C-alpha cells in the first residue's frame, strides 16, 4: 500500500512537470507563429494544458512579474515541484513504509 501511494504521488508530480514543460514549449511555438491556434487539435491541447497547469502557475504569475516580457514562473514552479518531490521521497516515503508496512 505504501509503495502505491509513493508511486502515485511521484507520478502526479512527474505529470505536472511534463505538462508545464510542454505548455511552455507550445506557448513559444505559438508566439513565434510556428503553430496556429486556429487548428482545432492545437487549440484543444493548449486549452487542456492551460486548465491543468493554471492552478499551479497563477499564484506565481501574480507574484513574479515578467522579466523583459519573459514569464519565469514556470521555472519557479518546476523547481518547487522538484523540491516537493525530494522532500516527499526523503521524509514522507520512509514514514509511510514504517506506518503502512
PDB file of N, CA and C in Angstrom:
ATOM      1  N   UNK A   1       0.816  -1.186   0.000  1.00  0.00           N
ATOM      2  CA  UNK A   1       0.000   0.000   0.000  1.00  0.00           C
ATOM      3  C   UNK A   1       0.863   1.256   0.000  1.00  0.00           C
ATOM      4  N   UNK A   2       1.909   1.269   0.788  1.00  0.00           N
ATOM      5  CA  UNK A   2       2.776   2.442   0.862  1.00  0.00           C
ATOM      6  C   UNK A   2       3.481   2.675  -0.465  1.00  0.00           C
ATOM      7  N   UNK A   3       3.903   1.597  -1.102  1.00  0.00           N
ATOM      8  CA  UNK A   3       4.578   1.745  -2.394  1.00  0.00           C
ATOM      9  C   UNK A   3       3.639   2.329  -3.440  1.00  0.00           C
ATOM     10  N   UNK A   4       2.376   1.970  -3.383  1.00  0.00           N
ATOM     11  CA  UNK A   4       1.398   2.501  -4.339  1.00  0.00           C
ATOM     12  C   UNK A   4       1.161   3.988  -4.113  1.00  0.00           C
ATOM     13  N   UNK A   5       1.095   4.410  -2.868  1.00  0.00           N
ATOM     14  CA  UNK A   5       0.904   5.833  -2.564  1.00  0.00           C
ATOM     15  C   UNK A   5       2.119   6.629  -3.006  1.00  0.00           C
ATOM     16  N   UNK A   6       3.301   6.117  -2.743  1.00  0.00           N
ATOM     17  CA  UNK A   6       4.530   6.807  -3.150  1.00  0.00           C
ATOM     18  C   UNK A   6       4.610   6.895  -4.664  1.00  0.00           C
ATOM     19  N   UNK A   7       4.264   5.807  -5.357  1.00  0.00           N
ATOM     20  CA  UNK A   7       4.259   5.826  -6.817  1.00  0.00           C
ATOM     21  C   UNK A   7       3.262   6.844  -7.351  1.00  0.00           C
ATOM     22  N   UNK A   8       2.081   6.917  -6.753  1.00  0.00           N
ATOM     23  CA  UNK A   8       1.043   7.839  -7.196  1.00  0.00           C
ATOM     24  C   UNK A   8       1.472   9.294  -7.032  1.00  0.00           C
ATOM     25  N   UNK A   9       2.043   9.619  -5.887  1.00  0.00           N
ATOM     26  CA  UNK A   9       2.495  10.994  -5.650  1.00  0.00           C
ATOM     27  C   UNK A   9       3.611  11.363  -6.623  1.00  0.00           C
ATOM     28  N   UNK A  10       4.579  10.482  -6.803  1.00  0.00           N
ATOM     29  CA  UNK A  10       5.678  10.753  -7.740  1.00  0.00           C
ATOM     30  C   UNK A  10       5.172  10.857  -9.177  1.00  0.00           C
ATOM     31  N   UNK A  11       4.190  10.046  -9.541  1.00  0.00           N
ATOM     32  CA  UNK A  11       3.641  10.109 -10.899  1.00  0.00           C
ATOM     33  C   UNK A  11       2.887  11.410 -11.140  1.00  0.00           C
ATOM     34  N   UNK A  12       2.120  11.849 -10.166  1.00  0.00           N
ATOM     35  CA  UNK A  12       1.389  13.110 -10.310  1.00  0.00           C
ATOM     36  C   UNK A  12       2.350  14.278 -10.437  1.00  0.00           C
ATOM     37  N   UNK A  13       3.391  14.300  -9.626  1.00  0.00           N
ATOM     38  CA  UNK A  13       4.385  15.370  -9.723  1.00  0.00           C
ATOM     39  C   UNK A  13       5.092  15.307 -11.074  1.00  0.00           C
ATOM     40  N   UNK A  14       5.434  14.113 -11.531  1.00  0.00           N
ATOM     41  CA  UNK A  14       6.082  13.962 -12.832  1.00  0.00           C
ATOM     42  C   UNK A  14       5.199  14.423 -13.979  1.00  0.00           C
ATOM     43  N   UNK A  15       3.909  14.101 -13.910  1.00  0.00           N
ATOM     44  CA  UNK A  15       2.982  14.550 -14.949  1.00  0.00           C
ATOM     45  C   UNK A  15       2.838  16.070 -14.954  1.00  0.00           C
ATOM     46  N   UNK A  16       2.784  16.664 -13.772  1.00  0.00           N
ATOM     47  CA  UNK A  16       2.680  18.125 -13.714  1.00  0.00           C
ATOM     48  C   UNK A  16       3.919  18.781 -14.309  1.00  0.00           C
ATOM     49  N   UNK A  17       5.088  18.223 -14.034  1.00  0.00           N
ATOM     50  CA  UNK A  17       6.322  18.752 -14.619  1.00  0.00           C
ATOM     51  C   UNK A  17       6.270  18.632 -16.138  1.00  0.00           C
ATOM     52  N   UNK A  18       5.844  17.479 -16.629  1.00  0.00           N
ATOM     53  CA  UNK A  18       5.735  17.278 -18.069  1.00  0.00           C
ATOM     54  C   UNK A  18       4.737  18.242 -18.700  1.00  0.00           C
ATOM     55  N   UNK A  19       3.584  18.425 -18.070  1.00  0.00           N
ATOM     56  CA  UNK A  19       2.582  19.345 -18.601  1.00  0.00           C
ATOM     57  C   UNK A  19       3.094  20.780 -18.641  1.00  0.00           C
ATOM     58  N   UNK A  20       3.834  21.203 -17.626  1.00  0.00           N
ATOM     59  CA  UNK A  20       4.361  22.563 -17.601  1.00  0.00           C
ATOM     60  C   UNK A  20       5.396  22.760 -18.700  1.00  0.00           C
ATOM     61  N   UNK A  21       6.275  21.786 -18.890  1.00  0.00           N
ATOM     62  CA  UNK A  21       7.299  21.887 -19.941  1.00  0.00           C
ATOM     63  C   UNK A  21       6.648  21.924 -21.321  1.00  0.00           C
ATOM     64  N   UNK A  22       5.683  21.034 -21.572  1.00  0.00           N
ATOM     65  CA  UNK A  22       5.006  21.020 -22.867  1.00  0.00           C
ATOM     66  C   UNK A  22       4.244  22.316 -23.096  1.00  0.00           C
ATOM     67  N   UNK A  23       3.604  22.828 -22.055  1.00  0.00           N
ATOM     68  CA  UNK A  23       2.861  24.078 -22.170  1.00  0.00           C
ATOM     69  C   UNK A  23       3.793  25.241 -22.507  1.00  0.00           C
ATOM     70  N   UNK A  24       4.954  25.281 -21.883  1.00  0.00           N
ATOM     71  CA  UNK A  24       5.913  26.351 -22.171  1.00  0.00           C
ATOM     72  C   UNK A  24       6.424  26.255 -23.607  1.00  0.00           C
ATOM     73  N   UNK A  25       6.749  25.056 -24.047  1.00  0.00           N
ATOM     74  CA  UNK A  25       7.237  24.874 -25.423  1.00  0.00           C
ATOM     75  C   UNK A  25       6.165  25.255 -26.438  1.00  0.00           C
ATOM     76  N   UNK A  26       4.928  24.824 -26.189  1.00  0.00           N
ATOM     77  CA  UNK A  26       3.857  25.169 -27.120  1.00  0.00           C
ATOM     78  C   UNK A  26       3.572  26.670 -27.124  1.00  0.00           C
ATOM     79  N   UNK A  27       3.698  27.321 -25.983  1.00  0.00           N
ATOM     80  CA  UNK A  27       3.483  28.774 -25.967  1.00  0.00           C
ATOM     81  C   UNK A  27       4.551  29.496 -26.776  1.00  0.00           C
ATOM     82  N   UNK A  28       5.786  28.987 -26.753  1.00  0.00           N
ATOM     83  CA  UNK A  28       6.837  29.584 -27.593  1.00  0.00           C
ATOM     84  C   UNK A  28       6.529  29.357 -29.065  1.00  0.00           C
ATOM     85  N   UNK A  29       6.074  28.151 -29.393  1.00  0.00           N
ATOM     86  CA  UNK A  29       5.755  27.854 -30.791  1.00  0.00           C
ATOM     87  C   UNK A  29       4.594  28.710 -31.298  1.00  0.00           C
ATOM     88  N   UNK A  30       3.628  28.983 -30.447  1.00  0.00           N
ATOM     89  CA  UNK A  30       2.523  29.863 -30.833  1.00  0.00           C
ATOM     90  C   UNK A  30       3.018  31.298 -30.962  1.00  0.00           C
ATOM     91  N   UNK A  31       3.873  31.733 -30.035  1.00  0.00           N
ATOM     92  CA  UNK A  31       4.384  33.107 -30.063  1.00  0.00           C
ATOM     93  C   UNK A  31       5.216  33.376 -31.316  1.00  0.00           C
ATOM     94  N   UNK A  32       5.974  32.393 -31.763  1.00  0.00           N
ATOM     95  CA  UNK A  32       6.796  32.559 -32.963  1.00  0.00           C
ATOM     96  C   UNK A  32       6.069  32.130 -34.226  1.00  0.00           C
ATOM     97  N   UNK A  33       4.761  31.873 -34.106  1.00  0.00           N
ATOM     98  CA  UNK A  33       3.880  31.546 -35.227  1.00  0.00           C
ATOM     99  C   UNK A  33       4.324  30.291 -35.995  1.00  0.00           C
ATOM    100  N   UNK A  34       4.867  29.338 -35.251  1.00  0.00           N
ATOM    101  CA  UNK A  34       5.223  28.055 -35.855  1.00  0.00           C
ATOM    102  C   UNK A  34       3.977  27.180 -35.944  1.00  0.00           C
ATOM    103  N   UNK A  35       3.169  27.215 -34.891  1.00  0.00           N
ATOM    104  CA  UNK A  35       1.891  26.518 -34.920  1.00  0.00           C
ATOM    105  C   UNK A  35       0.786  27.554 -34.758  1.00  0.00           C
ATOM    106  N   UNK A  36      -0.398  27.209 -35.216  1.00  0.00           N
ATOM    107  CA  UNK A  36      -1.504  28.144 -35.245  1.00  0.00           C
ATOM    108  C   UNK A  36      -2.605  27.672 -34.315  1.00  0.00           C
ATOM    109  N   UNK A  37      -3.134  28.576 -33.504  1.00  0.00           N
ATOM    110  CA  UNK A  37      -4.194  28.192 -32.568  1.00  0.00           C
ATOM    111  C   UNK A  37      -5.541  28.023 -33.259  1.00  0.00           C
ATOM    112  N   UNK A  38      -5.634  28.386 -34.528  1.00  0.00           N
ATOM    113  CA  UNK A  38      -6.881  28.150 -35.260  1.00  0.00           C
ATOM    114  C   UNK A  38      -7.051  26.679 -35.623  1.00  0.00           C
ATOM    115  N   UNK A  39      -5.968  25.919 -35.533  1.00  0.00           N
ATOM    116  CA  UNK A  39      -6.053  24.469 -35.706  1.00  0.00           C
ATOM    117  C   UNK A  39      -6.792  23.892 -34.499  1.00  0.00           C
ATOM    118  N   UNK A  40      -7.827  23.126 -34.745  1.00  0.00           N
ATOM    119  CA  UNK A  40      -8.681  22.624 -33.669  1.00  0.00           C
ATOM    120  C   UNK A  40      -7.907  21.740 -32.680  1.00  0.00           C
ATOM    121  N   UNK A  41      -7.027  20.883 -33.172  1.00  0.00           N
ATOM    122  CA  UNK A  41      -6.255  20.000 -32.294  1.00  0.00           C
ATOM    123  C   UNK A  41      -5.302  20.809 -31.420  1.00  0.00           C
ATOM    124  N   UNK A  42      -4.598  21.763 -32.021  1.00  0.00           N
ATOM    125  CA  UNK A  42      -3.658  22.598 -31.259  1.00  0.00           C
ATOM    126  C   UNK A  42      -4.409  23.388 -30.197  1.00  0.00           C
ATOM    127  N   UNK A  43      -5.556  23.921 -30.569  1.00  0.00           N
ATOM    128  CA  UNK A  43      -6.351  24.694 -29.621  1.00  0.00           C
ATOM    129  C   UNK A  43      -6.823  23.823 -28.456  1.00  0.00           C
ATOM    130  N   UNK A  44      -7.250  22.608 -28.733  1.00  0.00           N
ATOM    131  CA  UNK A  44      -7.725  21.727 -27.662  1.00  0.00           C
ATOM    132  C   UNK A  44      -6.581  21.298 -26.751  1.00  0.00           C
ATOM    133  N   UNK A  45      -5.400  21.054 -27.325  1.00  0.00           N
ATOM    134  CA  UNK A  45      -4.245  20.696 -26.494  1.00  0.00           C
ATOM    135  C   UNK A  45      -3.847  21.870 -25.605  1.00  0.00           C
ATOM    136  N   UNK A  46      -3.800  23.067 -26.174  1.00  0.00           N
ATOM    137  CA  UNK A  46      -3.448  24.258 -25.389  1.00  0.00           C
ATOM    138  C   UNK A  46      -4.472  24.529 -24.296  1.00  0.00           C
ATOM    139  N   UNK A  47      -5.747  24.339 -24.603  1.00  0.00           N
ATOM    140  CA  UNK A  47      -6.787  24.545 -23.605  1.00  0.00           C
ATOM    141  C   UNK A  47      -6.670  23.532 -22.472  1.00  0.00           C
ATOM    142  N   UNK A  48      -6.411  22.275 -22.813  1.00  0.00           N
ATOM    143  CA  UNK A  48      -6.234  21.242 -21.790  1.00  0.00           C
ATOM    144  C   UNK A  48      -5.037  21.561 -20.895  1.00  0.00           C
ATOM    145  N   UNK A  49      -3.902  21.883 -21.517  1.00  0.00           N
ATOM    146  CA  UNK A  49      -2.702  22.167 -20.732  1.00  0.00           C
ATOM    147  C   UNK A  49      -2.883  23.403 -19.868  1.00  0.00           C
ATOM    148  N   UNK A  50      -3.574  24.402 -20.386  1.00  0.00           N
ATOM    149  CA  UNK A  50      -3.819  25.605 -19.596  1.00  0.00           C
ATOM    150  C   UNK A  50      -4.713  25.299 -18.404  1.00  0.00           C
ATOM    151  N   UNK A  51      -5.739  24.490 -18.603  1.00  0.00           N
ATOM    152  CA  UNK A  51      -6.630  24.169 -17.489  1.00  0.00           C
ATOM    153  C   UNK A  51      -5.955  23.295 -16.435  1.00  0.00           C
ATOM    154  N   UNK A  52      -4.992  22.493 -16.849  1.00  0.00           N
ATOM    155  CA  UNK A  52      -4.288  21.631 -15.891  1.00  0.00           C
ATOM    156  C   UNK A  52      -3.209  22.401 -15.128  1.00  0.00           C
ATOM    157  N   UNK A  53      -2.483  23.276 -15.819  1.00  0.00           N
ATOM    158  CA  UNK A  53      -1.358  23.960 -15.175  1.00  0.00           C
ATOM    159  C   UNK A  53      -1.727  25.284 -14.524  1.00  0.00           C
ATOM    160  N   UNK A  54      -2.865  25.864 -14.868  1.00  0.00           N
ATOM    161  CA  UNK A  54      -3.233  27.171 -14.325  1.00  0.00           C
ATOM    162  C   UNK A  54      -3.308  27.208 -12.803  1.00  0.00           C
ATOM    163  N   UNK A  55      -3.902  26.203 -12.120  1.00  0.00           N
ATOM    164  CA  UNK A  55      -3.958  26.281 -10.654  1.00  0.00           C
ATOM    165  C   UNK A  55      -2.581  26.376  -9.993  1.00  0.00           C
ATOM    166  N   UNK A  56      -1.562  25.777 -10.588  1.00  0.00           N
ATOM    167  CA  UNK A  56      -0.212  25.885 -10.031  1.00  0.00           C
ATOM    168  C   UNK A  56       0.485  27.172 -10.442  1.00  0.00           C
ATOM    169  N   UNK A  57       0.268  27.597 -11.671  1.00  0.00           N
ATOM    170  CA  UNK A  57       1.021  28.715 -12.223  1.00  0.00           C
ATOM    171  C   UNK A  57       0.476  30.084 -11.807  1.00  0.00           C
ATOM    172  N   UNK A  58      -0.823  30.204 -11.669  1.00  0.00           N
ATOM    173  CA  UNK A  58      -1.441  31.512 -11.470  1.00  0.00           C
ATOM    174  C   UNK A  58      -0.973  32.240 -10.204  1.00  0.00           C
ATOM    175  N   UNK A  59      -0.854  31.577  -9.048  1.00  0.00           N
ATOM    176  CA  UNK A  59      -0.357  32.309  -7.871  1.00  0.00           C
ATOM    177  C   UNK A  59       1.048  32.877  -8.081  1.00  0.00           C
ATOM    178  N   UNK A  60       1.902  32.155  -8.788  1.00  0.00           N
ATOM    179  CA  UNK A  60       3.253  32.633  -9.031  1.00  0.00           C
ATOM    180  C   UNK A  60       3.284  33.734 -10.082  1.00  0.00           C
ATOM    181  N   UNK A  61       2.374  33.672 -11.034  1.00  0.00           N
ATOM    182  CA  UNK A  61       2.295  34.730 -12.048  1.00  0.00           C
ATOM    183  C   UNK A  61       1.828  36.045 -11.441  1.00  0.00           C
ATOM    184  N   UNK A  62       1.012  35.976 -10.393  1.00  0.00           N
ATOM    185  CA  UNK A  62       0.580  37.204  -9.719  1.00  0.00           C
ATOM    186  C   UNK A  62       1.718  37.827  -8.916  1.00  0.00           C
ATOM    187  N   UNK A  63       2.586  36.987  -8.361  1.00  0.00           N
ATOM    188  CA  UNK A  63       3.669  37.480  -7.507  1.00  0.00           C
ATOM    189  C   UNK A  63       4.882  37.902  -8.322  1.00  0.00           C
ATOM    190  N   UNK A  64       5.283  37.091  -9.281  1.00  0.00           N
ATOM    191  CA  UNK A  64       6.516  37.319 -10.041  1.00  0.00           C
ATOM    192  C   UNK A  64       6.183  38.039 -11.346  1.00  0.00           C
ATOM    193  N   UNK A  65       6.689  39.255 -11.520  1.00  0.00           N
ATOM    194  CA  UNK A  65       6.415  39.956 -12.783  1.00  0.00           C
ATOM    195  C   UNK A  65       7.266  39.377 -13.913  1.00  0.00           C
ATOM    196  N   UNK A  66       6.789  39.505 -15.156  1.00  0.00           N
ATOM    197  CA  UNK A  66       7.603  39.045 -16.289  1.00  0.00           C
ATOM    198  C   UNK A  66       8.890  39.872 -16.383  1.00  0.00           C
ATOM    199  N   UNK A  67       9.993  39.209 -16.629  1.00  0.00           N
ATOM    200  CA  UNK A  67      11.277  39.883 -16.759  1.00  0.00           C
ATOM    201  C   UNK A  67      11.578  40.085 -18.229  1.00  0.00           C
ATOM    202  N   UNK A  68      11.458  41.305 -18.698  1.00  0.00           N
ATOM    203  CA  UNK A  68      11.712  41.589 -20.102  1.00  0.00           C
ATOM    204  C   UNK A  68      10.729  40.897 -21.024  1.00  0.00           C
ATOM    205  N   UNK A  69       9.485  40.730 -20.564  1.00  0.00           N
ATOM    206  CA  UNK A  69       8.477  40.057 -21.367  1.00  0.00           C
ATOM    207  C   UNK A  69       8.529  38.545 -21.293  1.00  0.00           C
ATOM    208  N   UNK A  70       9.428  38.012 -20.486  1.00  0.00           N
ATOM    209  CA  UNK A  70       9.555  36.552 -20.351  1.00  0.00           C
ATOM    210  C   UNK A  70       8.991  36.133 -18.999  1.00  0.00           C
ATOM    211  N   UNK A  71       8.062  35.200 -19.038  1.00  0.00           N
ATOM    212  CA  UNK A  71       7.436  34.672 -17.820  1.00  0.00           C
ATOM    213  C   UNK A  71       8.333  33.599 -17.232  1.00  0.00           C
ATOM    214  N   UNK A  72       8.892  33.876 -16.044  1.00  0.00           N
ATOM    215  CA  UNK A  72       9.779  32.893 -15.414  1.00  0.00           C
ATOM    216  C   UNK A  72       9.057  32.047 -14.368  1.00  0.00           C
ATOM    217  N   UNK A  73       7.748  32.251 -14.222  1.00  0.00           N
ATOM    218  CA  UNK A  73       7.012  31.469 -13.225  1.00  0.00           C
ATOM    219  C   UNK A  73       7.049  29.962 -13.499  1.00  0.00           C
ATOM    220  N   UNK A  74       7.089  29.484 -14.778  1.00  0.00           N
ATOM    221  CA  UNK A  74       7.219  28.027 -14.959  1.00  0.00           C
ATOM    222  C   UNK A  74       8.518  27.475 -14.376  1.00  0.00           C
ATOM    223  N   UNK A  75       9.585  28.237 -14.457  1.00  0.00           N
ATOM    224  CA  UNK A  75      10.860  27.777 -13.895  1.00  0.00           C
ATOM    225  C   UNK A  75      10.757  27.659 -12.384  1.00  0.00           C
ATOM    226  N   UNK A  76      10.133  28.651 -11.754  1.00  0.00           N
ATOM    227  CA  UNK A  76       9.968  28.624 -10.303  1.00  0.00           C
ATOM    228  C   UNK A  76       9.084  27.450  -9.894  1.00  0.00           C
ATOM    229  N   UNK A  77       8.001  27.221 -10.612  1.00  0.00           N
ATOM    230  CA  UNK A  77       7.098  26.105 -10.282  1.00  0.00           C
ATOM    231  C   UNK A  77       7.795  24.760 -10.496  1.00  0.00           C
ATOM    232  N   UNK A  78       8.585  24.644 -11.553  1.00  0.00           N
ATOM    233  CA  UNK A  78       9.326  23.396 -11.778  1.00  0.00           C
ATOM    234  C   UNK A  78      10.315  23.132 -10.653  1.00  0.00           C
ATOM    235  N   UNK A  79      11.027  24.156 -10.222  1.00  0.00           N
ATOM    236  CA  UNK A  79      11.958  23.996  -9.099  1.00  0.00           C
ATOM    237  C   UNK A  79      11.216  23.617  -7.822  1.00  0.00           C
ATOM    238  N   UNK A  80      10.069  24.232  -7.601  1.00  0.00           N
ATOM    239  CA  UNK A  80       9.281  23.921  -6.413  1.00  0.00           C
ATOM    240  C   UNK A  80       8.753  22.485  -6.456  1.00  0.00           C
ATOM    241  N   UNK A  81       8.298  22.042  -7.607  1.00  0.00           N
ATOM    242  CA  UNK A  81       7.823  20.655  -7.723  1.00  0.00           C
ATOM    243  C   UNK A  81       8.949  19.651  -7.494  1.00  0.00           C
ATOM    244  N   UNK A  82      10.123  19.941  -8.021  1.00  0.00           N
ATOM    245  CA  UNK A  82      11.271  19.050  -7.772  1.00  0.00           C
ATOM    246  C   UNK A  82      11.632  19.033  -6.283  1.00  0.00           C
ATOM    247  N   UNK A  83      11.555  20.200  -5.633  1.00  0.00           N
ATOM    248  CA  UNK A  83      11.834  20.272  -4.204  1.00  0.00           C
ATOM    249  C   UNK A  83      10.816  19.459  -3.411  1.00  0.00           C
ATOM    250  N   UNK A  84       9.534  19.585  -3.768  1.00  0.00           N
ATOM    251  CA  UNK A  84       8.487  18.823  -3.082  1.00  0.00           C
ATOM    252  C   UNK A  84       8.695  17.332  -3.278  1.00  0.00           C
ATOM    253  N   UNK A  85       9.080  16.933  -4.488  1.00  0.00           N
ATOM    254  CA  UNK A  85       9.341  15.515  -4.753  1.00  0.00           C
ATOM    255  C   UNK A  85      10.503  15.000  -3.894  1.00  0.00           C
ATOM    256  N   UNK A  86      11.576  15.781  -3.797  1.00  0.00           N
ATOM    257  CA  UNK A  86      12.723  15.354  -2.993  1.00  0.00           C
ATOM    258  C   UNK A  86      12.367  15.264  -1.516  1.00  0.00           C
ATOM    259  N   UNK A  87      11.640  16.248  -1.007  1.00  0.00           N
ATOM    260  CA  UNK A  87      11.252  16.231   0.404  1.00  0.00           C
ATOM    261  C   UNK A  87      10.317  15.055   0.676  1.00  0.00           C
ATOM    262  N   UNK A  88       9.377  14.816  -0.216  1.00  0.00           N
ATOM    263  CA  UNK A  88       8.456  13.685  -0.034  1.00  0.00           C
ATOM    264  C   UNK A  88       9.212  12.359  -0.027  1.00  0.00           C
ATOM    265  N   UNK A  89      10.108  12.175  -0.989  1.00  0.00           N
ATOM    266  CA  UNK A  89      10.832  10.908  -1.080  1.00  0.00           C
ATOM    267  C   UNK A  89      11.799  10.701   0.071  1.00  0.00           C
ATOM    268  N   UNK A  90      12.330  11.773   0.635  1.00  0.00           N
ATOM    269  CA  UNK A  90      13.315  11.631   1.710  1.00  0.00           C
ATOM    270  C   UNK A  90      12.700  11.614   3.103  1.00  0.00           C
ATOM    271  N   UNK A  91      11.502  12.179   3.268  1.00  0.00           N
ATOM    272  CA  UNK A  91      10.921  12.225   4.611  1.00  0.00           C
ATOM    273  C   UNK A  91       9.602  11.463   4.711  1.00  0.00           C
ATOM    274  N   UNK A  92       8.669  11.756   3.848  1.00  0.00           N
ATOM    275  CA  UNK A  92       7.345  11.147   3.975  1.00  0.00           C
ATOM    276  C   UNK A  92       7.329   9.690   3.514  1.00  0.00           C
ATOM    277  N   UNK A  93       8.078   9.371   2.483  1.00  0.00           N
ATOM    278  CA  UNK A  93       8.068   7.996   1.962  1.00  0.00           C
ATOM    279  C   UNK A  93       8.570   6.984   3.001  1.00  0.00           C
ATOM    280  N   UNK A  94       9.704   7.232   3.669  1.00  0.00           N
ATOM    281  CA  UNK A  94      10.121   6.256   4.705  1.00  0.00           C
ATOM    282  C   UNK A  94       9.097   6.152   5.851  1.00  0.00           C
ATOM    283  N   UNK A  95       8.467   7.288   6.202  1.00  0.00           N
ATOM    284  CA  UNK A  95       7.459   7.232   7.268  1.00  0.00           C
ATOM    285  C   UNK A  95       6.245   6.417   6.830  1.00  0.00           C
ATOM    286  N   UNK A  96       5.856   6.543   5.557  1.00  0.00           N
ATOM    287  CA  UNK A  96       4.741   5.753   5.050  1.00  0.00           C
ATOM    288  C   UNK A  96       5.068   4.253   5.083  1.00  0.00           C
ATOM    289  N   UNK A  97       6.309   3.910   4.737  1.00  0.00           N
ATOM    290  CA  UNK A  97       6.702   2.497   4.790  1.00  0.00           C
ATOM    291  C   UNK A  97       6.657   1.972   6.218  1.00  0.00           C
ATOM    292  N   UNK A  98       7.038   2.799   7.183  1.00  0.00           N
ATOM    293  CA  UNK A  98       7.000   2.354   8.583  1.00  0.00           C
ATOM    294  C   UNK A  98       5.572   2.202   9.081  1.00  0.00           C
ATOM    295  N   UNK A  99       4.708   3.130   8.671  1.00  0.00           N
ATOM    296  CA  UNK A  99       3.330   3.090   9.153  1.00  0.00           C
ATOM    297  C   UNK A  99       2.526   1.999   8.467  1.00  0.00           C
ATOM    298  N   UNK A 100       2.595   1.951   7.134  1.00  0.00           N
ATOM    299  CA  UNK A 100       1.757   1.015   6.379  1.00  0.00           C
ATOM    300  C   UNK A 100       2.421  -0.313   6.079  1.00  0.00           C
ATOM    301  N   UNK A 101       3.725  -0.337   6.204  1.00  0.00           N
ATOM    302  CA  UNK A 101       4.424  -1.594   6.010  1.00  0.00           C
ATOM    303  C   UNK A 101       4.787  -1.920   4.647  1.00  0.00           C
TER     304      UNK A 101
END
